[in-house]
C-alpha atoms as a PDB file:
ATOM      1  CA  UNK A   1     236.044-212.321 303.195  1.00  0.00           C
ATOM      2  CA  UNK A   2     235.834-209.319 305.389  1.00  0.00           C
ATOM      3  CA  UNK A   3     233.991-210.929 307.970  1.00  0.00           C
ATOM      4  CA  UNK A   4     231.069-208.610 307.809  1.00  0.00           C
ATOM      5  CA  UNK A   5     227.129-209.205 306.687  1.00  0.00           C
ATOM      6  CA  UNK A   6     226.137-208.459 302.938  1.00  0.00           C
ATOM      7  CA  UNK A   7     224.242-205.445 304.097  1.00  0.00           C
ATOM      8  CA  UNK A   8     227.457-203.750 305.540  1.00  0.00           C
ATOM      9  CA  UNK A   9     229.087-204.596 301.986  1.00  0.00           C
ATOM     10  CA  UNK A  10     226.155-203.168 300.243  1.00  0.00           C
ATOM     11  CA  UNK A  11     226.507-199.819 302.389  1.00  0.00           C
ATOM     12  CA  UNK A  12     230.246-199.587 301.471  1.00  0.00           C
ATOM     13  CA  UNK A  13     229.604-200.174 297.819  1.00  0.00           C
ATOM     14  CA  UNK A  14     227.171-197.368 297.685  1.00  0.00           C
ATOM     15  CA  UNK A  15     228.479-194.738 300.072  1.00  0.00           C
ATOM     16  CA  UNK A  16     225.943-195.313 302.659  1.00  0.00           C
ATOM     17  CA  UNK A  17     226.404-194.478 306.299  1.00  0.00           C
ATOM     18  CA  UNK A  18     225.982-197.039 309.194  1.00  0.00           C
ATOM     19  CA  UNK A  19     229.137-198.817 308.939  1.00  0.00           C
ATOM     20  CA  UNK A  20     231.933-198.681 311.457  1.00  0.00           C
ATOM     21  CA  UNK A  21     235.470-197.325 310.011  1.00  0.00           C
ATOM     22  CA  UNK A  22     237.173-200.693 311.040  1.00  0.00           C
ATOM     23  CA  UNK A  23     234.536-202.518 308.932  1.00  0.00           C
ATOM     24  CA  UNK A  24     234.520-199.981 306.229  1.00  0.00           C
ATOM     25  CA  UNK A  25     238.779-200.245 305.677  1.00  0.00           C
ATOM     26  CA  UNK A  26     238.404-204.032 305.742  1.00  0.00           C
ATOM     27  CA  UNK A  27     235.735-204.079 302.938  1.00  0.00           C
ATOM     28  CA  UNK A  28     237.448-201.604 300.522  1.00  0.00           C
ATOM     29  CA  UNK A  29     241.003-203.507 301.070  1.00  0.00           C
ATOM     30  CA  UNK A  30     239.238-206.510 300.070  1.00  0.00           C
ATOM     31  CA  UNK A  31     237.703-204.549 296.976  1.00  0.00           C
ATOM     32  CA  UNK A  32     240.953-203.227 296.253  1.00  0.00           C
ATOM     33  CA  UNK A  33     242.503-206.766 296.191  1.00  0.00           C
ATOM     34  CA  UNK A  34     239.821-208.149 293.876  1.00  0.00           C
ATOM     35  CA  UNK A  35     239.845-205.213 291.847  1.00  0.00           C
ATOM     36  CA  UNK A  36     236.306-205.110 292.019  1.00  0.00           C
ATOM     37  CA  UNK A  37     234.236-203.539 289.427  1.00  0.00           C
ATOM     38  CA  UNK A  38     230.504-202.846 290.131  1.00  0.00           C
ATOM     39  CA  UNK A  39     228.147-204.515 287.323  1.00  0.00           C
ATOM     40  CA  UNK A  40     226.503-201.336 286.195  1.00  0.00           C
ATOM     41  CA  UNK A  41     224.536-203.372 283.694  1.00  0.00           C
ATOM     42  CA  UNK A  42     222.784-205.377 286.451  1.00  0.00           C
ATOM     43  CA  UNK A  43     222.270-202.261 288.762  1.00  0.00           C
ATOM     44  CA  UNK A  44     220.838-200.464 286.045  1.00  0.00           C
ATOM     45  CA  UNK A  45     218.358-203.236 285.300  1.00  0.00           C
ATOM     46  CA  UNK A  46     217.502-203.699 289.004  1.00  0.00           C
ATOM     47  CA  UNK A  47     216.916-199.827 289.617  1.00  0.00           C
ATOM     48  CA  UNK A  48     213.856-200.089 286.941  1.00  0.00           C
ATOM     49  CA  UNK A  49     214.486-196.526 286.311  1.00  0.00           C
ATOM     50  CA  UNK A  50     213.046-195.130 283.086  1.00  0.00           C
ATOM     51  CA  UNK A  51     215.000-192.992 280.839  1.00  0.00           C
ATOM     52  CA  UNK A  52     213.718-190.322 278.198  1.00  0.00           C
ATOM     53  CA  UNK A  53     215.965-189.271 275.266  1.00  0.00           C
ATOM     54  CA  UNK A  54     214.768-186.558 272.807  1.00  0.00           C
ATOM     55  CA  UNK A  55     216.126-185.932 269.389  1.00  0.00           C
ATOM     56  CA  UNK A  56     216.103-182.818 267.494  1.00  0.00           C
ATOM     57  CA  UNK A  57     216.398-183.288 263.850  1.00  0.00           C
ATOM     58  CA  UNK A  58     215.610-181.416 260.776  1.00  0.00           C
ATOM     59  CA  UNK A  59     212.445-181.718 258.992  1.00  0.00           C
ATOM     60  CA  UNK A  60     212.584-184.200 256.149  1.00  0.00           C
ATOM     61  CA  UNK A  61     210.970-186.582 253.795  1.00  0.00           C
ATOM     62  CA  UNK A  62     211.342-190.390 253.554  1.00  0.00           C
ATOM     63  CA  UNK A  63     214.471-191.549 251.613  1.00  0.00           C
ATOM     64  CA  UNK A  64     216.484-187.906 252.757  1.00  0.00           C
ATOM     65  CA  UNK A  65     219.453-188.032 254.321  1.00  0.00           C
ATOM     66  CA  UNK A  66     218.251-187.858 257.931  1.00  0.00           C
ATOM     67  CA  UNK A  67     216.033-191.127 257.295  1.00  0.00           C
ATOM     68  CA  UNK A  68     219.479-192.936 257.635  1.00  0.00           C
ATOM     69  CA  UNK A  69     220.197-191.251 260.803  1.00  0.00           C
ATOM     70  CA  UNK A  70     216.818-191.925 262.630  1.00  0.00           C
ATOM     71  CA  UNK A  71     217.471-195.730 261.606  1.00  0.00           C
ATOM     72  CA  UNK A  72     220.623-195.775 263.453  1.00  0.00           C
ATOM     73  CA  UNK A  73     218.745-194.117 266.516  1.00  0.00           C
ATOM     74  CA  UNK A  74     215.903-196.542 266.219  1.00  0.00           C
ATOM     75  CA  UNK A  75     218.323-199.432 266.120  1.00  0.00           C
ATOM     76  CA  UNK A  76     220.234-198.191 269.467  1.00  0.00           C
ATOM     77  CA  UNK A  77     216.980-197.833 271.068  1.00  0.00           C
ATOM     78  CA  UNK A  78     215.988-201.375 270.284  1.00  0.00           C
ATOM     79  CA  UNK A  79     219.654-202.464 271.186  1.00  0.00           C
ATOM     80  CA  UNK A  80     219.261-200.951 274.666  1.00  0.00           C
ATOM     81  CA  UNK A  81     215.687-201.642 275.404  1.00  0.00           C
ATOM     82  CA  UNK A  82     216.482-203.509 278.727  1.00  0.00           C
ATOM     83  CA  UNK A  83     217.116-200.010 280.128  1.00  0.00           C
ATOM     84  CA  UNK A  84     213.549-198.866 279.457  1.00  0.00           C
ATOM     85  CA  UNK A  85     214.315-196.206 277.210  1.00  0.00           C
ATOM     86  CA  UNK A  86     211.712-193.805 275.707  1.00  0.00           C
ATOM     87  CA  UNK A  87     212.386-191.724 272.618  1.00  0.00           C
ATOM     88  CA  UNK A  88     210.802-188.857 271.328  1.00  0.00           C
ATOM     89  CA  UNK A  89     211.836-187.036 267.846  1.00  0.00           C
ATOM     90  CA  UNK A  90     211.029-183.309 267.427  1.00  0.00           C
ATOM     91  CA  UNK A  91     211.585-181.527 264.208  1.00  0.00           C
ATOM     92  CA  UNK A  92     212.634-178.191 263.100  1.00  0.00           C
ATOM     93  CA  UNK A  93     212.884-176.154 259.711  1.00  0.00           C
ATOM     94  CA  UNK A  94     216.581-175.987 259.053  1.00  0.00           C
ATOM     95  CA  UNK A  95     216.118-172.794 257.050  1.00  0.00           C
ATOM     96  CA  UNK A  96     214.080-170.974 259.558  1.00  0.00           C
ATOM     97  CA  UNK A  97     216.296-170.215 262.992  1.00  0.00           C
ATOM     98  CA  UNK A  98     213.076-169.595 264.784  1.00  0.00           C
ATOM     99  CA  UNK A  99     211.770-173.106 264.405  1.00  0.00           C
ATOM    100  CA  UNK A 100     214.947-174.315 265.839  1.00  0.00           C
ATOM    101  CA  UNK A 101     214.520-172.166 269.028  1.00  0.00           C
ATOM    102  CA  UNK A 102     210.977-173.251 269.195  1.00  0.00           C
ATOM    103  CA  UNK A 103     211.941-176.884 268.822  1.00  0.00           C
ATOM    104  CA  UNK A 104     214.314-176.481 271.661  1.00  0.00           C
ATOM    105  CA  UNK A 105     212.026-174.869 273.795  1.00  0.00           C
ATOM    106  CA  UNK A 106     209.683-177.738 273.281  1.00  0.00           C
ATOM    107  CA  UNK A 107     212.281-180.269 274.261  1.00  0.00           C
ATOM    108  CA  UNK A 108     213.242-178.435 277.409  1.00  0.00           C
ATOM    109  CA  UNK A 109     209.366-178.716 278.529  1.00  0.00           C
ATOM    110  CA  UNK A 110     209.686-182.563 278.152  1.00  0.00           C
ATOM    111  CA  UNK A 111     212.597-182.686 280.600  1.00  0.00           C
ATOM    112  CA  UNK A 112     214.491-185.317 278.996  1.00  0.00           C
ATOM    113  CA  UNK A 113     217.475-187.287 280.577  1.00  0.00           C
ATOM    114  CA  UNK A 114     219.378-186.846 277.390  1.00  0.00           C
ATOM    115  CA  UNK A 115     219.335-184.774 273.933  1.00  0.00           C
ATOM    116  CA  UNK A 116     220.483-185.719 270.620  1.00  0.00           C
ATOM    117  CA  UNK A 117     220.477-182.738 268.049  1.00  0.00           C
ATOM    118  CA  UNK A 118     221.652-181.694 264.889  1.00  0.00           C
ATOM    119  CA  UNK A 119     222.838-177.868 265.727  1.00  0.00           C
ATOM    120  CA  UNK A 120     222.462-175.032 263.431  1.00  0.00           C
ATOM    121  CA  UNK A 121     224.691-171.547 263.926  1.00  0.00           C
ATOM    122  CA  UNK A 122     226.432-171.303 267.158  1.00  0.00           C
ATOM    123  CA  UNK A 123     224.316-168.455 268.510  1.00  0.00           C
ATOM    124  CA  UNK A 124     220.990-170.116 268.125  1.00  0.00           C
ATOM    125  CA  UNK A 125     222.619-173.485 269.340  1.00  0.00           C
ATOM    126  CA  UNK A 126     224.031-172.146 272.431  1.00  0.00           C
ATOM    127  CA  UNK A 127     220.834-170.503 273.565  1.00  0.00           C
ATOM    128  CA  UNK A 128     219.454-174.006 273.700  1.00  0.00           C
ATOM    129  CA  UNK A 129     222.555-176.211 274.944  1.00  0.00           C
ATOM    130  CA  UNK A 130     223.273-173.136 277.725  1.00  0.00           C
ATOM    131  CA  UNK A 131     219.693-174.352 279.165  1.00  0.00           C
ATOM    132  CA  UNK A 132     220.518-177.823 279.041  1.00  0.00           C
ATOM    133  CA  UNK A 133     223.547-177.391 280.648  1.00  0.00           C
ATOM    134  CA  UNK A 134     221.881-175.349 283.734  1.00  0.00           C
ATOM    135  CA  UNK A 135     219.609-178.379 284.121  1.00  0.00           C
ATOM    136  CA  UNK A 136     222.326-180.844 283.743  1.00  0.00           C
ATOM    137  CA  UNK A 137     221.093-182.685 280.754  1.00  0.00           C
ATOM    138  CA  UNK A 138     223.726-184.065 278.833  1.00  0.00           C
ATOM    139  CA  UNK A 139     223.558-183.386 274.924  1.00  0.00           C
ATOM    140  CA  UNK A 140     225.006-184.958 272.007  1.00  0.00           C
ATOM    141  CA  UNK A 141     226.075-183.186 268.622  1.00  0.00           C
ATOM    142  CA  UNK A 142     225.632-185.057 265.350  1.00  0.00           C
ATOM    143  CA  UNK A 143     226.424-183.970 261.512  1.00  0.00           C
ATOM    144  CA  UNK A 144     228.398-180.765 262.720  1.00  0.00           C
ATOM    145  CA  UNK A 145     229.849-179.748 265.864  1.00  0.00           C
ATOM    146  CA  UNK A 146     229.834-176.231 267.251  1.00  0.00           C
ATOM    147  CA  UNK A 147     233.311-174.621 268.759  1.00  0.00           C
ATOM    148  CA  UNK A 148     233.168-173.313 272.143  1.00  0.00           C
ATOM    149  CA  UNK A 149     229.983-175.404 273.315  1.00  0.00           C
ATOM    150  CA  UNK A 150     230.267-178.513 275.445  1.00  0.00           C
ATOM    151  CA  UNK A 151     228.499-181.555 274.074  1.00  0.00           C
ATOM    152  CA  UNK A 152     228.997-184.793 275.981  1.00  0.00           C
ATOM    153  CA  UNK A 153     229.942-186.282 272.412  1.00  0.00           C
ATOM    154  CA  UNK A 154     230.087-185.334 268.809  1.00  0.00           C
ATOM    155  CA  UNK A 155     229.513-187.768 266.100  1.00  0.00           C
ATOM    156  CA  UNK A 156     230.575-186.582 262.286  1.00  0.00           C
ATOM    157  CA  UNK A 157     232.822-185.473 259.866  1.00  0.00           C
ATOM    158  CA  UNK A 158     235.466-182.996 260.433  1.00  0.00           C
ATOM    159  CA  UNK A 159     233.574-180.728 257.705  1.00  0.00           C
ATOM    160  CA  UNK A 160     236.232-178.248 256.783  1.00  0.00           C
ATOM    161  CA  UNK A 161     238.854-181.211 255.971  1.00  0.00           C
ATOM    162  CA  UNK A 162     236.013-182.925 254.079  1.00  0.00           C
ATOM    163  CA  UNK A 163     235.734-179.819 252.000  1.00  0.00           C
ATOM    164  CA  UNK A 164     239.428-179.443 251.503  1.00  0.00           C
ATOM    165  CA  UNK A 165     239.573-183.264 250.246  1.00  0.00           C
ATOM    166  CA  UNK A 166     236.693-182.699 247.868  1.00  0.00           C
ATOM    167  CA  UNK A 167     238.344-179.710 246.408  1.00  0.00           C
ATOM    168  CA  UNK A 168     241.491-182.021 245.764  1.00  0.00           C
ATOM    169  CA  UNK A 169     239.334-184.523 244.356  1.00  0.00           C
ATOM    170  CA  UNK A 170     237.347-182.150 242.014  1.00  0.00           C
ATOM    171  CA  UNK A 171     240.488-180.634 240.597  1.00  0.00           C
ATOM    172  CA  UNK A 172     241.775-184.324 239.781  1.00  0.00           C
ATOM    173  CA  UNK A 173     238.438-185.340 238.361  1.00  0.00           C
ATOM    174  CA  UNK A 174     238.192-182.043 236.275  1.00  0.00           C
ATOM    175  CA  UNK A 175     241.804-182.374 234.976  1.00  0.00           C
ATOM    176  CA  UNK A 176     242.784-178.944 236.438  1.00  0.00           C
ATOM    177  CA  UNK A 177     239.388-176.694 235.259  1.00  0.00           C
ATOM    178  CA  UNK A 178     239.841-173.327 234.790  1.00  0.00           C
ATOM    179  CA  UNK A 179     236.472-172.884 236.456  1.00  0.00           C
ATOM    180  CA  UNK A 180     234.273-174.868 239.025  1.00  0.00           C
ATOM    181  CA  UNK A 181     230.817-174.232 240.277  1.00  0.00           C
ATOM    182  CA  UNK A 182     229.348-174.774 243.714  1.00  0.00           C
ATOM    183  CA  UNK A 183     225.660-176.034 243.663  1.00  0.00           C
ATOM    184  CA  UNK A 184     224.142-174.711 246.929  1.00  0.00           C
ATOM    185  CA  UNK A 185     220.749-175.326 248.768  1.00  0.00           C
ATOM    186  CA  UNK A 186     219.501-172.213 250.384  1.00  0.00           C
ATOM    187  CA  UNK A 187     216.517-170.396 251.410  1.00  0.00           C
ATOM    188  CA  UNK A 188     216.260-166.658 251.967  1.00  0.00           C
ATOM    189  CA  UNK A 189     220.248-166.576 251.557  1.00  0.00           C
ATOM    190  CA  UNK A 190     220.683-169.187 254.255  1.00  0.00           C
ATOM    191  CA  UNK A 191     222.334-172.719 253.942  1.00  0.00           C
ATOM    192  CA  UNK A 192     220.560-175.237 255.515  1.00  0.00           C
ATOM    193  CA  UNK A 193     223.329-176.474 257.770  1.00  0.00           C
ATOM    194  CA  UNK A 194     226.595-176.126 259.333  1.00  0.00           C
ATOM    195  CA  UNK A 195     227.949-178.746 257.167  1.00  0.00           C
ATOM    196  CA  UNK A 196     227.394-176.783 254.041  1.00  0.00           C
ATOM    197  CA  UNK A 197     228.950-173.918 255.261  1.00  0.00           C
ATOM    198  CA  UNK A 198     232.203-175.494 256.678  1.00  0.00           C
ATOM    199  CA  UNK A 199     232.601-177.640 253.667  1.00  0.00           C
ATOM    200  CA  UNK A 200     232.605-174.836 251.522  1.00  0.00           C
ATOM    201  CA  UNK A 201     235.023-173.166 253.679  1.00  0.00           C
ATOM    202  CA  UNK A 202     237.529-175.997 253.586  1.00  0.00           C
ATOM    203  CA  UNK A 203     237.133-176.282 249.821  1.00  0.00           C
ATOM    204  CA  UNK A 204     237.889-172.498 249.442  1.00  0.00           C
ATOM    205  CA  UNK A 205     240.786-172.901 251.671  1.00  0.00           C
ATOM    206  CA  UNK A 206     242.202-175.656 249.352  1.00  0.00           C
ATOM    207  CA  UNK A 207     241.627-173.628 246.214  1.00  0.00           C
ATOM    208  CA  UNK A 208     243.201-170.666 247.578  1.00  0.00           C
ATOM    209  CA  UNK A 209     246.219-172.351 248.664  1.00  0.00           C
ATOM    210  CA  UNK A 210     246.605-174.676 245.562  1.00  0.00           C
ATOM    211  CA  UNK A 211     244.813-173.215 242.591  1.00  0.00           C
ATOM    212  CA  UNK A 212     244.044-169.546 243.170  1.00  0.00           C
ATOM    213  CA  UNK A 213     243.470-168.744 239.436  1.00  0.00           C
ATOM    214  CA  UNK A 214     240.737-171.166 239.205  1.00  0.00           C
ATOM    215  CA  UNK A 215     237.267-169.328 239.110  1.00  0.00           C
ATOM    216  CA  UNK A 216     234.699-170.364 241.447  1.00  0.00           C
ATOM    217  CA  UNK A 217     231.156-169.630 240.684  1.00  0.00           C
ATOM    218  CA  UNK A 218     228.006-170.426 242.696  1.00  0.00           C
ATOM    219  CA  UNK A 219     224.576-171.492 241.788  1.00  0.00           C
ATOM    220  CA  UNK A 220     221.768-171.194 244.445  1.00  0.00           C
ATOM    221  CA  UNK A 221     218.952-173.729 244.121  1.00  0.00           C
ATOM    222  CA  UNK A 222     215.939-172.748 246.546  1.00  0.00           C
ATOM    223  CA  UNK A 223     215.151-175.519 249.129  1.00  0.00           C
ATOM    224  CA  UNK A 224     211.391-174.643 249.130  1.00  0.00           C
ATOM    225  CA  UNK A 225     211.094-173.715 245.669  1.00  0.00           C
ATOM    226  CA  UNK A 226     212.332-176.985 243.873  1.00  0.00           C
ATOM    227  CA  UNK A 227     209.941-176.203 240.719  1.00  0.00           C
ATOM    228  CA  UNK A 228     212.343-173.611 239.817  1.00  0.00           C
ATOM    229  CA  UNK A 229     215.575-175.713 239.860  1.00  0.00           C
ATOM    230  CA  UNK A 230     215.337-176.623 236.196  1.00  0.00           C
ATOM    231  CA  UNK A 231     215.051-173.004 235.010  1.00  0.00           C
ATOM    232  CA  UNK A 232     218.028-171.877 237.177  1.00  0.00           C
ATOM    233  CA  UNK A 233     219.949-174.975 235.959  1.00  0.00           C
ATOM    234  CA  UNK A 234     219.099-173.970 232.302  1.00  0.00           C
ATOM    235  CA  UNK A 235     220.344-170.578 232.738  1.00  0.00           C
ATOM    236  CA  UNK A 236     223.369-171.504 234.361  1.00  0.00           C
ATOM    237  CA  UNK A 237     224.418-173.861 231.731  1.00  0.00           C
ATOM    238  CA  UNK A 238     223.739-171.591 229.035  1.00  0.00           C
ATOM    239  CA  UNK A 239     225.568-168.774 230.514  1.00  0.00           C
ATOM    240  CA  UNK A 240     228.513-170.798 231.546  1.00  0.00           C
ATOM    241  CA  UNK A 241     229.145-173.367 228.701  1.00  0.00           C
ATOM    242  CA  UNK A 242     232.790-173.551 229.713  1.00  0.00           C
ATOM    243  CA  UNK A 243     232.086-174.730 233.197  1.00  0.00           C
ATOM    244  CA  UNK A 244     232.577-178.518 233.178  1.00  0.00           C
ATOM    245  CA  UNK A 245     232.911-179.383 236.850  1.00  0.00           C
ATOM    246  CA  UNK A 246     230.796-178.841 240.016  1.00  0.00           C
ATOM    247  CA  UNK A 247     230.320-179.949 243.393  1.00  0.00           C
ATOM    248  CA  UNK A 248     227.456-179.827 245.863  1.00  0.00           C
ATOM    249  CA  UNK A 249     227.964-179.798 249.878  1.00  0.00           C
ATOM    250  CA  UNK A 250     224.478-180.866 250.695  1.00  0.00           C
ATOM    251  CA  UNK A 251     222.966-184.399 250.390  1.00  0.00           C
ATOM    252  CA  UNK A 252     220.772-183.595 247.132  1.00  0.00           C
ATOM    253  CA  UNK A 253     223.573-183.819 244.446  1.00  0.00           C
ATOM    254  CA  UNK A 254     220.604-185.828 242.624  1.00  0.00           C
ATOM    255  CA  UNK A 255     219.016-182.558 241.589  1.00  0.00           C
ATOM    256  CA  UNK A 256     221.870-181.449 239.266  1.00  0.00           C
ATOM    257  CA  UNK A 257     222.490-185.429 238.321  1.00  0.00           C
ATOM    258  CA  UNK A 258     218.973-186.005 237.245  1.00  0.00           C
ATOM    259  CA  UNK A 259     219.173-182.763 235.248  1.00  0.00           C
ATOM    260  CA  UNK A 260     222.283-183.826 233.451  1.00  0.00           C
ATOM    261  CA  UNK A 261     220.771-187.138 232.671  1.00  0.00           C
ATOM    262  CA  UNK A 262     217.689-185.548 231.315  1.00  0.00           C
ATOM    263  CA  UNK A 263     219.609-183.212 229.027  1.00  0.00           C
ATOM    264  CA  UNK A 264     222.068-185.500 227.774  1.00  0.00           C
ATOM    265  CA  UNK A 265     225.019-183.559 229.288  1.00  0.00           C
ATOM    266  CA  UNK A 266     227.632-186.480 229.679  1.00  0.00           C
ATOM    267  CA  UNK A 267     230.727-184.407 229.686  1.00  0.00           C
ATOM    268  CA  UNK A 268     230.130-182.516 232.997  1.00  0.00           C
ATOM    269  CA  UNK A 269     232.223-183.711 236.153  1.00  0.00           C
ATOM    270  CA  UNK A 270     230.145-183.869 239.227  1.00  0.00           C
ATOM    271  CA  UNK A 271     230.668-184.660 243.145  1.00  0.00           C
ATOM    272  CA  UNK A 272     228.331-184.607 245.980  1.00  0.00           C
ATOM    273  CA  UNK A 273     227.599-186.165 249.456  1.00  0.00           C
ATOM    274  CA  UNK A 274     225.634-189.054 250.963  1.00  0.00           C
ATOM    275  CA  UNK A 275     224.255-192.160 249.957  1.00  0.00           C
ATOM    276  CA  UNK A 276     220.560-191.394 248.959  1.00  0.00           C
ATOM    277  CA  UNK A 277     219.186-193.784 246.471  1.00  0.00           C
ATOM    278  CA  UNK A 278     218.683-190.914 244.080  1.00  0.00           C
ATOM    279  CA  UNK A 279     222.250-189.862 244.628  1.00  0.00           C
ATOM    280  CA  UNK A 280     223.569-193.504 243.917  1.00  0.00           C
ATOM    281  CA  UNK A 281     221.290-193.973 241.069  1.00  0.00           C
ATOM    282  CA  UNK A 282     223.042-190.963 239.345  1.00  0.00           C
ATOM    283  CA  UNK A 283     226.419-192.497 240.473  1.00  0.00           C
ATOM    284  CA  UNK A 284     225.656-195.706 238.852  1.00  0.00           C
ATOM    285  CA  UNK A 285     224.254-193.697 235.704  1.00  0.00           C
ATOM    286  CA  UNK A 286     227.274-191.757 235.264  1.00  0.00           C
ATOM    287  CA  UNK A 287     225.699-188.435 236.074  1.00  0.00           C
ATOM    288  CA  UNK A 288     227.783-188.141 239.384  1.00  0.00           C
ATOM    289  CA  UNK A 289     231.389-189.062 239.496  1.00  0.00           C
ATOM    290  CA  UNK A 290     231.951-189.134 243.152  1.00  0.00           C
ATOM    291  CA  UNK A 291     230.002-189.433 246.275  1.00  0.00           C
ATOM    292  CA  UNK A 292     231.410-188.735 249.503  1.00  0.00           C
ATOM    293  CA  UNK A 293     229.724-190.916 252.441  1.00  0.00           C
ATOM    294  CA  UNK A 294     229.610-190.237 256.089  1.00  0.00           C
ATOM    295  CA  UNK A 295     228.052-193.175 257.835  1.00  0.00           C
ATOM    296  CA  UNK A 296     224.862-191.386 259.021  1.00  0.00           C
ATOM    297  CA  UNK A 297     223.293-194.742 260.739  1.00  0.00           C
ATOM    298  CA  UNK A 298     226.314-194.946 262.729  1.00  0.00           C
ATOM    299  CA  UNK A 299     226.238-191.467 263.997  1.00  0.00           C
ATOM    300  CA  UNK A 300     222.599-191.940 264.901  1.00  0.00           C
ATOM    301  CA  UNK A 301     223.301-195.383 266.808  1.00  0.00           C
ATOM    302  CA  UNK A 302     226.281-193.941 268.358  1.00  0.00           C
ATOM    303  CA  UNK A 303     224.793-191.133 269.846  1.00  0.00           C
ATOM    304  CA  UNK A 304     222.226-192.840 271.772  1.00  0.00           C
ATOM    305  CA  UNK A 305     224.756-195.505 273.022  1.00  0.00           C
ATOM    306  CA  UNK A 306     226.946-192.574 274.349  1.00  0.00           C
ATOM    307  CA  UNK A 307     223.961-191.479 276.228  1.00  0.00           C
ATOM    308  CA  UNK A 308     223.384-194.843 277.590  1.00  0.00           C
ATOM    309  CA  UNK A 309     227.205-195.227 278.561  1.00  0.00           C
ATOM    310  CA  UNK A 310     227.202-191.933 280.257  1.00  0.00           C
ATOM    311  CA  UNK A 311     223.960-192.146 282.164  1.00  0.00           C
ATOM    312  CA  UNK A 312     223.277-195.599 282.803  1.00  0.00           C
ATOM    313  CA  UNK A 313     226.695-197.650 282.508  1.00  0.00           C
ATOM    314  CA  UNK A 314     228.500-194.674 283.893  1.00  0.00           C
ATOM    315  CA  UNK A 315     231.160-195.398 281.313  1.00  0.00           C
ATOM    316  CA  UNK A 316     233.953-192.615 279.909  1.00  0.00           C
ATOM    317  CA  UNK A 317     232.459-191.430 276.821  1.00  0.00           C
ATOM    318  CA  UNK A 318     234.971-190.026 274.076  1.00  0.00           C
ATOM    319  CA  UNK A 319     233.911-186.349 273.318  1.00  0.00           C
ATOM    320  CA  UNK A 320     235.123-186.094 269.637  1.00  0.00           C
ATOM    321  CA  UNK A 321     234.329-189.008 267.224  1.00  0.00           C
ATOM    322  CA  UNK A 322     235.088-188.100 263.554  1.00  0.00           C
ATOM    323  CA  UNK A 323     233.269-190.392 260.926  1.00  0.00           C
ATOM    324  CA  UNK A 324     235.647-191.391 257.896  1.00  0.00           C
ATOM    325  CA  UNK A 325     235.669-189.443 254.590  1.00  0.00           C
ATOM    326  CA  UNK A 326     234.908-192.214 252.415  1.00  0.00           C
ATOM    327  CA  UNK A 327     235.067-191.573 248.482  1.00  0.00           C
ATOM    328  CA  UNK A 328     232.529-193.645 246.441  1.00  0.00           C
ATOM    329  CA  UNK A 329     232.527-194.513 242.996  1.00  0.00           C
ATOM    330  CA  UNK A 330     230.527-197.002 240.571  1.00  0.00           C
ATOM    331  CA  UNK A 331     233.600-199.571 241.328  1.00  0.00           C
ATOM    332  CA  UNK A 332     233.052-199.450 245.032  1.00  0.00           C
ATOM    333  CA  UNK A 333     229.631-198.455 246.027  1.00  0.00           C
ATOM    334  CA  UNK A 334     228.091-201.607 246.163  1.00  0.00           C
ATOM    335  CA  UNK A 335     230.584-202.857 248.415  1.00  0.00           C
ATOM    336  CA  UNK A 336     230.018-200.062 250.882  1.00  0.00           C
ATOM    337  CA  UNK A 337     226.256-200.330 250.498  1.00  0.00           C
ATOM    338  CA  UNK A 338     226.333-203.802 251.699  1.00  0.00           C
ATOM    339  CA  UNK A 339     228.019-202.407 254.881  1.00  0.00           C
ATOM    340  CA  UNK A 340     225.558-199.414 254.975  1.00  0.00           C
ATOM    341  CA  UNK A 341     222.792-201.687 254.723  1.00  0.00           C
ATOM    342  CA  UNK A 342     223.953-204.098 257.582  1.00  0.00           C
ATOM    343  CA  UNK A 343     224.530-200.936 260.008  1.00  0.00           C
ATOM    344  CA  UNK A 344     220.980-199.664 259.280  1.00  0.00           C
END
């Protein structure tokens, strides 16, 4: 249509030299008339370029929350396998800040094309993301966001709002209890994730605004000393017989739920997070009343997809992507599990 060679069109499309101004103008006019859009998928395949993605995730055991995140990541790598993707996963101890920094340094030495990470406290996370930005490496946050940093995308719940919602549900569930307990997972005084901290912050905000007279007590369970859980729970329930409602902001509500089942404590009302098998078992047996889900497999899948869209397909990527705050009970958990398993 422009009366020029294929080679000339190719040079115009890719912004290369060696084309007269008149020919360039004719080709650009026709591209505009046709509303031409380059086929980035075909271009990426033709380039045979290999991409290396690295994920920074907390250490975990099979069946833990992060297992579902990894299943979503693996599914995305298979879905985009045409693009010669290589994935590496490095793990850090979420209760040891030094472990996160060591993990980050390992990632930087790998010189990846893109990074997916579950961030920890802002200061530590910024030390790694600052170096990624200096090298032009895009990174995606999952599970929690960090204010003031600039990820390509974030996938996770709006943590404070989730905690605010959980407080409202707890007060309804407990029929306006006079005292409520927060069960924490900590190590050396540190909670294991930004999510726990921010959810509790939102929870306390709701309680202060609506039920300031309700007493909030805490029981810290030590993540690296699980053998002590039963003794700590024994002491707590002996010392707080009036407390009949509690909540966890981590994914291990089963610790409390299984304790309640073992000791036949049927009147206690309990809310937790995430669809771990042991959590859902407690839900079905009545030891947990509500679970709040956040689609970890989708977070994993979408994080890889966003890197592919940005780096390979040159698509615009939405920065903030909140997961729904889904409340699950014995009546609806099976329907949600069907969708959850299909996503995985």
